N, C-alpha and C. Protein backbone atom coordinates (compact mmCIF):
# COMPACT_ATOMS: atom_id res chain seq x y z
N MET A 1 32.88 -14.47 36.85
CA MET A 1 31.69 -13.95 36.22
C MET A 1 31.32 -14.84 35.02
N GLU A 2 30.06 -15.22 34.93
CA GLU A 2 29.60 -16.10 33.87
C GLU A 2 29.40 -15.31 32.58
N GLU A 3 29.94 -15.86 31.48
CA GLU A 3 29.79 -15.22 30.18
C GLU A 3 28.44 -15.57 29.57
N LYS A 4 27.76 -14.58 28.99
CA LYS A 4 26.46 -14.80 28.37
C LYS A 4 26.63 -15.63 27.10
N GLN A 5 25.68 -16.52 26.87
CA GLN A 5 25.68 -17.35 25.67
C GLN A 5 24.59 -16.84 24.73
N TYR A 6 25.00 -16.05 23.77
CA TYR A 6 24.05 -15.49 22.82
C TYR A 6 23.81 -16.45 21.67
N GLU A 7 22.62 -16.34 21.07
CA GLU A 7 22.27 -17.07 19.86
C GLU A 7 21.78 -16.06 18.83
N LEU A 8 21.66 -16.52 17.60
CA LEU A 8 21.11 -15.69 16.52
C LEU A 8 19.75 -16.22 16.10
N ALA A 9 18.88 -15.31 15.72
CA ALA A 9 17.60 -15.64 15.09
C ALA A 9 17.49 -14.71 13.89
N THR A 10 16.99 -15.25 12.78
CA THR A 10 16.87 -14.44 11.57
C THR A 10 15.47 -14.61 10.99
N PHE A 11 14.78 -13.49 10.81
CA PHE A 11 13.40 -13.49 10.33
C PHE A 11 13.23 -12.54 9.15
N ALA A 12 12.51 -13.00 8.14
CA ALA A 12 12.10 -12.15 7.02
C ALA A 12 10.61 -11.89 7.18
N GLY A 13 10.24 -10.62 7.16
CA GLY A 13 8.83 -10.27 7.35
C GLY A 13 8.41 -9.09 6.52
N GLY A 14 8.93 -9.02 5.30
CA GLY A 14 8.65 -7.85 4.49
C GLY A 14 9.69 -6.78 4.76
N CYS A 15 9.28 -5.55 4.70
CA CYS A 15 10.19 -4.42 4.92
C CYS A 15 10.90 -4.55 6.27
N PHE A 16 12.22 -4.56 6.24
CA PHE A 16 12.93 -4.73 7.51
C PHE A 16 12.77 -3.53 8.43
N TRP A 17 12.42 -2.37 7.91
CA TRP A 17 12.16 -1.23 8.79
C TRP A 17 11.09 -1.57 9.82
N CYS A 18 10.08 -2.30 9.37
CA CYS A 18 8.93 -2.62 10.24
C CYS A 18 9.19 -3.82 11.14
N MET A 19 10.29 -4.52 10.93
CA MET A 19 10.55 -5.73 11.71
C MET A 19 11.52 -5.52 12.86
N VAL A 20 12.14 -4.37 12.96
CA VAL A 20 13.11 -4.14 14.04
C VAL A 20 12.39 -3.81 15.35
N LYS A 21 11.52 -2.83 15.32
CA LYS A 21 10.90 -2.34 16.56
C LYS A 21 10.21 -3.43 17.38
N PRO A 22 9.47 -4.37 16.78
CA PRO A 22 8.79 -5.37 17.61
C PRO A 22 9.75 -6.20 18.48
N PHE A 23 11.00 -6.35 18.04
CA PHE A 23 11.97 -7.17 18.77
C PHE A 23 12.93 -6.35 19.62
N ASP A 24 13.03 -5.09 19.33
CA ASP A 24 14.02 -4.23 19.95
C ASP A 24 13.65 -3.91 21.40
N GLU A 25 14.66 -3.77 22.22
CA GLU A 25 14.52 -3.22 23.57
C GLU A 25 13.78 -4.13 24.55
N PHE A 26 13.86 -5.44 24.38
CA PHE A 26 13.38 -6.38 25.38
C PHE A 26 14.58 -6.89 26.17
N PRO A 27 14.40 -7.16 27.44
CA PRO A 27 15.49 -7.80 28.18
C PRO A 27 15.87 -9.12 27.49
N GLY A 28 17.14 -9.35 27.34
CA GLY A 28 17.61 -10.56 26.68
C GLY A 28 17.87 -10.40 25.20
N ILE A 29 17.40 -9.30 24.60
CA ILE A 29 17.70 -9.02 23.19
C ILE A 29 18.92 -8.12 23.18
N HIS A 30 20.00 -8.62 22.67
CA HIS A 30 21.26 -7.87 22.67
C HIS A 30 21.31 -6.86 21.53
N LYS A 31 20.91 -7.29 20.30
CA LYS A 31 20.86 -6.36 19.19
C LYS A 31 19.98 -6.90 18.08
N VAL A 32 19.48 -5.98 17.27
CA VAL A 32 18.66 -6.30 16.11
C VAL A 32 19.24 -5.53 14.92
N ILE A 33 19.62 -6.27 13.89
CA ILE A 33 20.26 -5.66 12.72
C ILE A 33 19.42 -5.95 11.48
N SER A 34 19.15 -4.92 10.69
CA SER A 34 18.50 -5.09 9.39
C SER A 34 19.54 -5.56 8.38
N GLY A 35 19.12 -6.47 7.50
CA GLY A 35 20.07 -6.93 6.50
C GLY A 35 19.41 -7.78 5.43
N TYR A 36 20.26 -8.56 4.75
CA TYR A 36 19.84 -9.36 3.62
C TYR A 36 20.35 -10.79 3.82
N SER A 37 19.51 -11.76 3.48
CA SER A 37 19.91 -13.15 3.60
C SER A 37 19.13 -13.99 2.60
N GLY A 38 19.64 -15.20 2.34
CA GLY A 38 18.93 -16.15 1.51
C GLY A 38 19.21 -16.04 0.02
N GLY A 39 20.11 -15.17 -0.36
CA GLY A 39 20.36 -14.97 -1.79
C GLY A 39 21.66 -15.58 -2.26
N HIS A 40 22.01 -15.28 -3.49
CA HIS A 40 23.19 -15.87 -4.13
C HIS A 40 24.26 -14.83 -4.48
N THR A 41 24.03 -13.57 -4.21
CA THR A 41 24.99 -12.52 -4.52
C THR A 41 25.75 -12.15 -3.24
N GLU A 42 27.07 -12.09 -3.32
CA GLU A 42 27.86 -11.69 -2.16
C GLU A 42 27.81 -10.18 -1.98
N ASN A 43 27.71 -9.76 -0.72
CA ASN A 43 27.72 -8.34 -0.35
C ASN A 43 26.74 -7.49 -1.16
N PRO A 44 25.47 -7.88 -1.19
CA PRO A 44 24.51 -7.09 -1.97
C PRO A 44 24.24 -5.73 -1.32
N THR A 45 23.90 -4.78 -2.15
CA THR A 45 23.46 -3.48 -1.65
C THR A 45 21.94 -3.46 -1.67
N TYR A 46 21.36 -2.45 -1.07
CA TYR A 46 19.92 -2.28 -1.09
C TYR A 46 19.42 -2.21 -2.53
N GLU A 47 20.13 -1.48 -3.37
CA GLU A 47 19.74 -1.34 -4.76
C GLU A 47 19.77 -2.69 -5.48
N ASP A 48 20.78 -3.51 -5.17
CA ASP A 48 20.88 -4.85 -5.76
C ASP A 48 19.67 -5.70 -5.36
N VAL A 49 19.37 -5.71 -4.06
CA VAL A 49 18.28 -6.53 -3.54
C VAL A 49 16.94 -6.08 -4.11
N CYS A 50 16.77 -4.78 -4.27
CA CYS A 50 15.50 -4.24 -4.80
C CYS A 50 15.21 -4.69 -6.22
N THR A 51 16.21 -5.13 -6.96
CA THR A 51 15.96 -5.61 -8.31
C THR A 51 15.23 -6.95 -8.29
N GLY A 52 15.30 -7.66 -7.16
CA GLY A 52 14.70 -8.98 -7.06
C GLY A 52 15.54 -10.06 -7.71
N LYS A 53 16.71 -9.71 -8.20
CA LYS A 53 17.55 -10.67 -8.93
C LYS A 53 18.62 -11.34 -8.07
N THR A 54 18.79 -10.90 -6.83
CA THR A 54 19.84 -11.48 -5.98
C THR A 54 19.35 -12.68 -5.18
N GLY A 55 18.03 -12.85 -5.09
CA GLY A 55 17.46 -13.94 -4.30
C GLY A 55 17.36 -13.65 -2.82
N HIS A 56 17.84 -12.49 -2.40
CA HIS A 56 17.83 -12.16 -0.97
C HIS A 56 16.45 -11.74 -0.47
N TYR A 57 16.25 -11.98 0.80
CA TYR A 57 15.11 -11.46 1.55
C TYR A 57 15.62 -10.29 2.38
N GLU A 58 14.76 -9.30 2.64
CA GLU A 58 15.07 -8.32 3.68
C GLU A 58 14.78 -9.03 5.00
N VAL A 59 15.74 -9.00 5.90
CA VAL A 59 15.62 -9.73 7.17
C VAL A 59 16.05 -8.86 8.34
N VAL A 60 15.70 -9.34 9.52
CA VAL A 60 16.30 -8.83 10.74
C VAL A 60 17.04 -10.00 11.38
N GLN A 61 18.26 -9.72 11.84
CA GLN A 61 19.01 -10.73 12.57
C GLN A 61 19.10 -10.26 14.01
N ILE A 62 18.66 -11.13 14.90
CA ILE A 62 18.53 -10.81 16.31
C ILE A 62 19.57 -11.61 17.08
N THR A 63 20.36 -10.92 17.89
CA THR A 63 21.28 -11.58 18.82
C THR A 63 20.59 -11.55 20.17
N PHE A 64 20.37 -12.73 20.76
CA PHE A 64 19.59 -12.81 21.98
C PHE A 64 20.19 -13.79 22.97
N ASP A 65 19.83 -13.61 24.22
CA ASP A 65 20.23 -14.51 25.30
C ASP A 65 19.05 -15.44 25.56
N PRO A 66 19.14 -16.71 25.15
CA PRO A 66 18.00 -17.60 25.28
C PRO A 66 17.61 -17.91 26.73
N SER A 67 18.51 -17.66 27.67
CA SER A 67 18.16 -17.90 29.07
C SER A 67 17.26 -16.78 29.60
N VAL A 68 17.25 -15.65 28.92
CA VAL A 68 16.41 -14.51 29.32
C VAL A 68 15.20 -14.39 28.40
N PHE A 69 15.43 -14.54 27.11
CA PHE A 69 14.37 -14.39 26.10
C PHE A 69 14.47 -15.59 25.16
N PRO A 70 13.74 -16.66 25.44
CA PRO A 70 13.87 -17.88 24.63
C PRO A 70 13.37 -17.71 23.19
N TYR A 71 13.87 -18.58 22.34
CA TYR A 71 13.51 -18.56 20.91
C TYR A 71 12.00 -18.65 20.70
N GLU A 72 11.33 -19.43 21.54
CA GLU A 72 9.87 -19.56 21.43
C GLU A 72 9.18 -18.20 21.54
N LYS A 73 9.69 -17.33 22.42
CA LYS A 73 9.11 -15.98 22.55
C LYS A 73 9.37 -15.14 21.31
N LEU A 74 10.53 -15.34 20.68
CA LEU A 74 10.80 -14.62 19.43
C LEU A 74 9.79 -15.04 18.36
N LEU A 75 9.51 -16.34 18.28
CA LEU A 75 8.52 -16.82 17.32
C LEU A 75 7.14 -16.23 17.62
N GLU A 76 6.78 -16.16 18.90
CA GLU A 76 5.49 -15.57 19.29
C GLU A 76 5.40 -14.11 18.87
N LEU A 77 6.51 -13.41 18.86
CA LEU A 77 6.53 -12.02 18.40
C LEU A 77 6.55 -11.93 16.87
N TYR A 78 7.20 -12.87 16.24
CA TYR A 78 7.35 -12.83 14.78
C TYR A 78 6.02 -12.97 14.04
N TRP A 79 5.29 -14.04 14.31
CA TRP A 79 4.09 -14.34 13.52
C TRP A 79 3.11 -13.17 13.45
N PRO A 80 2.80 -12.48 14.55
CA PRO A 80 1.81 -11.39 14.46
C PRO A 80 2.30 -10.12 13.77
N GLN A 81 3.51 -10.14 13.22
CA GLN A 81 4.02 -8.98 12.48
C GLN A 81 3.79 -9.12 10.98
N ILE A 82 3.33 -10.30 10.54
CA ILE A 82 3.31 -10.61 9.11
C ILE A 82 1.96 -11.14 8.64
N ASP A 83 1.82 -11.19 7.32
CA ASP A 83 0.74 -11.94 6.69
C ASP A 83 1.38 -13.22 6.17
N PRO A 84 1.25 -14.32 6.91
CA PRO A 84 1.94 -15.55 6.52
C PRO A 84 1.33 -16.26 5.32
N THR A 85 0.27 -15.69 4.74
CA THR A 85 -0.38 -16.30 3.58
C THR A 85 0.01 -15.64 2.26
N ASP A 86 0.84 -14.64 2.29
CA ASP A 86 1.18 -13.86 1.09
C ASP A 86 2.58 -14.23 0.61
N ASP A 87 2.67 -14.89 -0.54
CA ASP A 87 3.98 -15.27 -1.07
C ASP A 87 4.54 -14.27 -2.08
N GLY A 88 3.87 -13.14 -2.26
CA GLY A 88 4.33 -12.13 -3.22
C GLY A 88 4.93 -10.90 -2.57
N GLY A 89 5.09 -10.92 -1.26
CA GLY A 89 5.61 -9.78 -0.52
C GLY A 89 4.78 -9.57 0.73
N GLN A 90 4.85 -8.38 1.27
CA GLN A 90 4.09 -8.05 2.46
C GLN A 90 3.45 -6.69 2.29
N PHE A 91 2.11 -6.71 2.37
CA PHE A 91 1.34 -5.47 2.33
C PHE A 91 1.63 -4.73 1.03
N PHE A 92 1.98 -3.44 1.05
CA PHE A 92 2.20 -2.79 -0.24
C PHE A 92 3.62 -2.97 -0.78
N ASP A 93 4.45 -3.68 -0.02
CA ASP A 93 5.81 -4.00 -0.47
C ASP A 93 5.75 -5.32 -1.24
N ARG A 94 5.91 -5.25 -2.54
CA ARG A 94 5.79 -6.42 -3.40
C ARG A 94 7.15 -6.80 -3.95
N GLY A 95 7.36 -8.07 -4.13
CA GLY A 95 8.60 -8.57 -4.70
C GLY A 95 9.21 -9.65 -3.83
N SER A 96 10.10 -10.42 -4.42
CA SER A 96 10.69 -11.57 -3.72
C SER A 96 11.48 -11.18 -2.48
N GLN A 97 12.04 -9.98 -2.45
CA GLN A 97 12.81 -9.55 -1.29
C GLN A 97 11.92 -9.32 -0.06
N TYR A 98 10.61 -9.23 -0.26
CA TYR A 98 9.67 -8.95 0.83
C TYR A 98 8.90 -10.19 1.27
N ARG A 99 9.30 -11.38 0.79
CA ARG A 99 8.65 -12.61 1.23
C ARG A 99 8.95 -12.86 2.71
N THR A 100 8.17 -13.76 3.30
CA THR A 100 8.38 -14.11 4.70
C THR A 100 9.13 -15.44 4.82
N ALA A 101 9.98 -15.52 5.83
CA ALA A 101 10.72 -16.76 6.10
C ALA A 101 11.31 -16.69 7.50
N ILE A 102 11.46 -17.87 8.06
CA ILE A 102 12.22 -18.04 9.30
C ILE A 102 13.48 -18.78 8.91
N PHE A 103 14.62 -18.18 9.17
CA PHE A 103 15.91 -18.81 8.88
C PHE A 103 16.44 -19.39 10.19
N TYR A 104 16.50 -20.72 10.27
CA TYR A 104 16.94 -21.36 11.52
C TYR A 104 18.45 -21.53 11.54
N HIS A 105 19.00 -21.43 12.76
CA HIS A 105 20.45 -21.52 12.95
C HIS A 105 20.89 -22.85 13.56
N ASN A 106 19.93 -23.67 13.99
CA ASN A 106 20.26 -24.98 14.53
C ASN A 106 19.00 -25.85 14.48
N ASP A 107 19.17 -27.13 14.80
CA ASP A 107 18.05 -28.08 14.72
C ASP A 107 16.93 -27.74 15.69
N LYS A 108 17.28 -27.23 16.86
CA LYS A 108 16.23 -26.86 17.82
C LYS A 108 15.37 -25.72 17.27
N GLN A 109 16.00 -24.70 16.70
CA GLN A 109 15.23 -23.61 16.10
C GLN A 109 14.36 -24.12 14.96
N LYS A 110 14.87 -25.04 14.16
CA LYS A 110 14.09 -25.58 13.06
C LYS A 110 12.84 -26.27 13.59
N ALA A 111 13.01 -27.12 14.60
CA ALA A 111 11.88 -27.85 15.16
C ALA A 111 10.85 -26.89 15.78
N LEU A 112 11.33 -25.88 16.50
CA LEU A 112 10.41 -24.92 17.11
C LEU A 112 9.68 -24.09 16.05
N ALA A 113 10.39 -23.70 15.00
CA ALA A 113 9.77 -22.93 13.92
C ALA A 113 8.71 -23.76 13.21
N GLU A 114 9.03 -25.01 12.92
CA GLU A 114 8.05 -25.89 12.25
C GLU A 114 6.83 -26.11 13.13
N ALA A 115 7.04 -26.29 14.43
CA ALA A 115 5.91 -26.49 15.35
C ALA A 115 5.05 -25.23 15.42
N SER A 116 5.67 -24.06 15.45
CA SER A 116 4.89 -22.82 15.53
C SER A 116 4.11 -22.60 14.24
N LYS A 117 4.70 -22.94 13.10
CA LYS A 117 4.00 -22.81 11.82
C LYS A 117 2.80 -23.76 11.78
N ALA A 118 2.99 -24.99 12.24
CA ALA A 118 1.90 -25.96 12.27
C ALA A 118 0.76 -25.48 13.17
N GLU A 119 1.13 -24.83 14.27
CA GLU A 119 0.11 -24.29 15.18
C GLU A 119 -0.71 -23.19 14.50
N ILE A 120 -0.04 -22.32 13.76
CA ILE A 120 -0.73 -21.26 13.02
C ILE A 120 -1.65 -21.89 11.97
N GLU A 121 -1.15 -22.91 11.26
CA GLU A 121 -1.95 -23.57 10.24
C GLU A 121 -3.22 -24.19 10.83
N LYS A 122 -3.10 -24.81 12.00
CA LYS A 122 -4.24 -25.48 12.64
C LYS A 122 -5.20 -24.51 13.32
N SER A 123 -4.76 -23.30 13.55
CA SER A 123 -5.55 -22.34 14.33
C SER A 123 -6.84 -21.91 13.64
N GLY A 124 -6.89 -22.01 12.32
CA GLY A 124 -8.05 -21.54 11.59
C GLY A 124 -8.11 -20.02 11.47
N ARG A 125 -7.05 -19.35 11.87
CA ARG A 125 -6.99 -17.89 11.82
C ARG A 125 -7.05 -17.38 10.39
N PHE A 126 -6.52 -18.15 9.45
CA PHE A 126 -6.46 -17.73 8.05
C PHE A 126 -7.20 -18.74 7.18
N ASN A 127 -7.80 -18.25 6.10
CA ASN A 127 -8.51 -19.15 5.20
C ASN A 127 -7.70 -19.47 3.95
N LYS A 128 -6.42 -19.13 3.98
CA LYS A 128 -5.49 -19.45 2.90
C LYS A 128 -4.30 -20.19 3.52
N PRO A 129 -3.55 -20.94 2.71
CA PRO A 129 -2.40 -21.67 3.24
C PRO A 129 -1.32 -20.74 3.81
N ILE A 130 -0.60 -21.23 4.80
CA ILE A 130 0.55 -20.52 5.36
C ILE A 130 1.73 -20.80 4.44
N VAL A 131 2.30 -19.74 3.87
CA VAL A 131 3.38 -19.90 2.89
C VAL A 131 4.75 -19.47 3.42
N THR A 132 4.80 -18.99 4.64
CA THR A 132 6.09 -18.60 5.24
C THR A 132 7.01 -19.81 5.22
N GLN A 133 8.19 -19.61 4.65
CA GLN A 133 9.15 -20.71 4.54
C GLN A 133 10.00 -20.82 5.79
N ILE A 134 10.46 -22.02 6.06
CA ILE A 134 11.42 -22.27 7.13
C ILE A 134 12.66 -22.82 6.45
N LEU A 135 13.74 -22.03 6.51
CA LEU A 135 14.93 -22.29 5.71
C LEU A 135 16.19 -22.28 6.59
N PRO A 136 17.22 -23.01 6.18
CA PRO A 136 18.47 -22.94 6.93
C PRO A 136 19.09 -21.54 6.79
N ALA A 137 19.67 -21.06 7.87
CA ALA A 137 20.33 -19.76 7.83
C ALA A 137 21.47 -19.82 6.81
N SER A 138 21.65 -18.72 6.13
CA SER A 138 22.73 -18.60 5.15
C SER A 138 23.46 -17.29 5.42
N ALA A 139 24.34 -16.92 4.54
CA ALA A 139 25.12 -15.69 4.74
C ALA A 139 24.20 -14.51 5.02
N PHE A 140 24.58 -13.73 5.99
CA PHE A 140 23.84 -12.52 6.38
C PHE A 140 24.71 -11.32 6.06
N TYR A 141 24.10 -10.33 5.41
CA TYR A 141 24.80 -9.10 5.07
C TYR A 141 24.05 -7.93 5.70
N PRO A 142 24.68 -7.20 6.61
CA PRO A 142 23.99 -6.04 7.20
C PRO A 142 23.62 -5.02 6.13
N ALA A 143 22.44 -4.44 6.29
CA ALA A 143 22.01 -3.37 5.39
C ALA A 143 22.81 -2.11 5.68
N GLU A 144 22.69 -1.18 4.78
CA GLU A 144 23.37 0.10 4.92
C GLU A 144 22.93 0.79 6.22
N GLU A 145 23.79 1.62 6.75
CA GLU A 145 23.56 2.25 8.05
C GLU A 145 22.24 3.03 8.10
N TYR A 146 21.86 3.68 7.03
CA TYR A 146 20.62 4.48 7.08
C TYR A 146 19.37 3.62 7.28
N HIS A 147 19.48 2.30 7.05
CA HIS A 147 18.36 1.40 7.31
C HIS A 147 18.30 0.92 8.76
N GLN A 148 19.41 1.02 9.48
CA GLN A 148 19.46 0.47 10.83
C GLN A 148 18.62 1.33 11.79
N HIS A 149 17.75 0.65 12.54
CA HIS A 149 16.88 1.31 13.53
C HIS A 149 16.15 2.52 12.94
N PHE A 150 15.61 2.31 11.76
CA PHE A 150 14.91 3.37 11.04
C PHE A 150 13.80 3.97 11.88
N TYR A 151 13.09 3.15 12.67
CA TYR A 151 11.98 3.66 13.47
C TYR A 151 12.44 4.69 14.50
N LYS A 152 13.69 4.62 14.94
CA LYS A 152 14.23 5.61 15.88
C LYS A 152 14.72 6.86 15.15
N LYS A 153 15.33 6.66 14.01
CA LYS A 153 15.91 7.78 13.26
C LYS A 153 14.85 8.61 12.56
N ASN A 154 13.76 7.97 12.13
CA ASN A 154 12.71 8.63 11.35
C ASN A 154 11.33 8.23 11.86
N PRO A 155 11.01 8.57 13.11
CA PRO A 155 9.76 8.06 13.70
C PRO A 155 8.50 8.44 12.94
N ASP A 156 8.43 9.63 12.41
CA ASP A 156 7.22 10.05 11.69
C ASP A 156 7.08 9.27 10.38
N LYS A 157 8.16 9.15 9.62
CA LYS A 157 8.11 8.40 8.36
C LYS A 157 7.82 6.93 8.64
N TYR A 158 8.41 6.37 9.68
CA TYR A 158 8.16 4.97 10.05
C TYR A 158 6.68 4.75 10.35
N ALA A 159 6.09 5.61 11.17
CA ALA A 159 4.68 5.48 11.52
C ALA A 159 3.79 5.59 10.28
N LYS A 160 4.12 6.54 9.41
CA LYS A 160 3.34 6.74 8.19
C LYS A 160 3.43 5.52 7.27
N GLU A 161 4.65 4.99 7.10
CA GLU A 161 4.85 3.82 6.23
C GLU A 161 4.06 2.62 6.76
N ARG A 162 4.11 2.37 8.06
CA ARG A 162 3.38 1.23 8.64
C ARG A 162 1.89 1.37 8.40
N LYS A 163 1.38 2.57 8.60
CA LYS A 163 -0.06 2.80 8.44
C LYS A 163 -0.46 2.67 6.97
N GLU A 164 0.25 3.38 6.10
CA GLU A 164 -0.12 3.40 4.68
C GLU A 164 0.10 2.07 3.97
N SER A 165 1.01 1.26 4.49
CA SER A 165 1.30 -0.03 3.86
C SER A 165 0.18 -1.04 4.06
N GLY A 166 -0.67 -0.81 5.06
CA GLY A 166 -1.71 -1.77 5.40
C GLY A 166 -1.30 -2.73 6.50
N ARG A 167 -0.05 -2.67 6.93
CA ARG A 167 0.46 -3.58 7.96
C ARG A 167 -0.32 -3.42 9.26
N ASN A 168 -0.49 -2.20 9.73
CA ASN A 168 -1.19 -1.98 11.00
C ASN A 168 -2.61 -2.52 10.96
N ASP A 169 -3.33 -2.24 9.87
CA ASP A 169 -4.71 -2.71 9.75
C ASP A 169 -4.77 -4.24 9.72
N PHE A 170 -3.86 -4.87 8.99
CA PHE A 170 -3.84 -6.32 8.91
C PHE A 170 -3.58 -6.93 10.29
N ILE A 171 -2.60 -6.40 10.99
CA ILE A 171 -2.28 -6.91 12.33
C ILE A 171 -3.48 -6.78 13.25
N GLN A 172 -4.11 -5.63 13.20
CA GLN A 172 -5.29 -5.41 14.04
C GLN A 172 -6.39 -6.41 13.71
N LYS A 173 -6.64 -6.62 12.43
CA LYS A 173 -7.74 -7.49 12.01
C LYS A 173 -7.46 -8.97 12.31
N HIS A 174 -6.25 -9.43 12.04
CA HIS A 174 -5.98 -10.86 12.11
C HIS A 174 -5.31 -11.33 13.39
N TRP A 175 -4.68 -10.43 14.12
CA TRP A 175 -3.91 -10.87 15.27
C TRP A 175 -4.43 -10.31 16.60
N LYS A 176 -4.87 -9.08 16.63
CA LYS A 176 -5.23 -8.45 17.91
C LYS A 176 -6.58 -8.88 18.46
N LYS A 177 -7.49 -9.31 17.63
CA LYS A 177 -8.85 -9.59 18.09
C LYS A 177 -9.04 -11.00 18.63
N ARG A 178 -8.04 -11.84 18.54
CA ARG A 178 -8.23 -13.24 18.93
C ARG A 178 -7.58 -13.55 20.25
């Protein structure tokens, strides 16, 4: 029996609650974990990250089978979840922990991420610069259990947060009509 060769992908797109569902439950996606990455504090807690002093981003780390769900498809799902022109956070979530970034795990992911960013920049979809960073993957710390798969545990609150944050309206305006 052939063993599956999984890879990791790590994306920051604002509130990690809103970034799990778009990637969850596709064939080839083994798991999606909310967590923290890109900072300088070891084992940060949610409260630590919320201060904005740890340097961490809220991220989702995706374990996937690239033979079933290639990295390029993950990038295609990632971009329409965010406002790539906002360097102060995402929607009503403000602060450095809510910035956007693609954390690459190898040279191929870096090249694909840079190419996808260049494509977004050339598309003319936005009238402001694309500020989403492409950074090398660093230590990943899983978030507390109550943050994991929040959309399943608290579907009403999840739906309300997405709507009230402005995320749904932004996605509809900038991504769905083209």
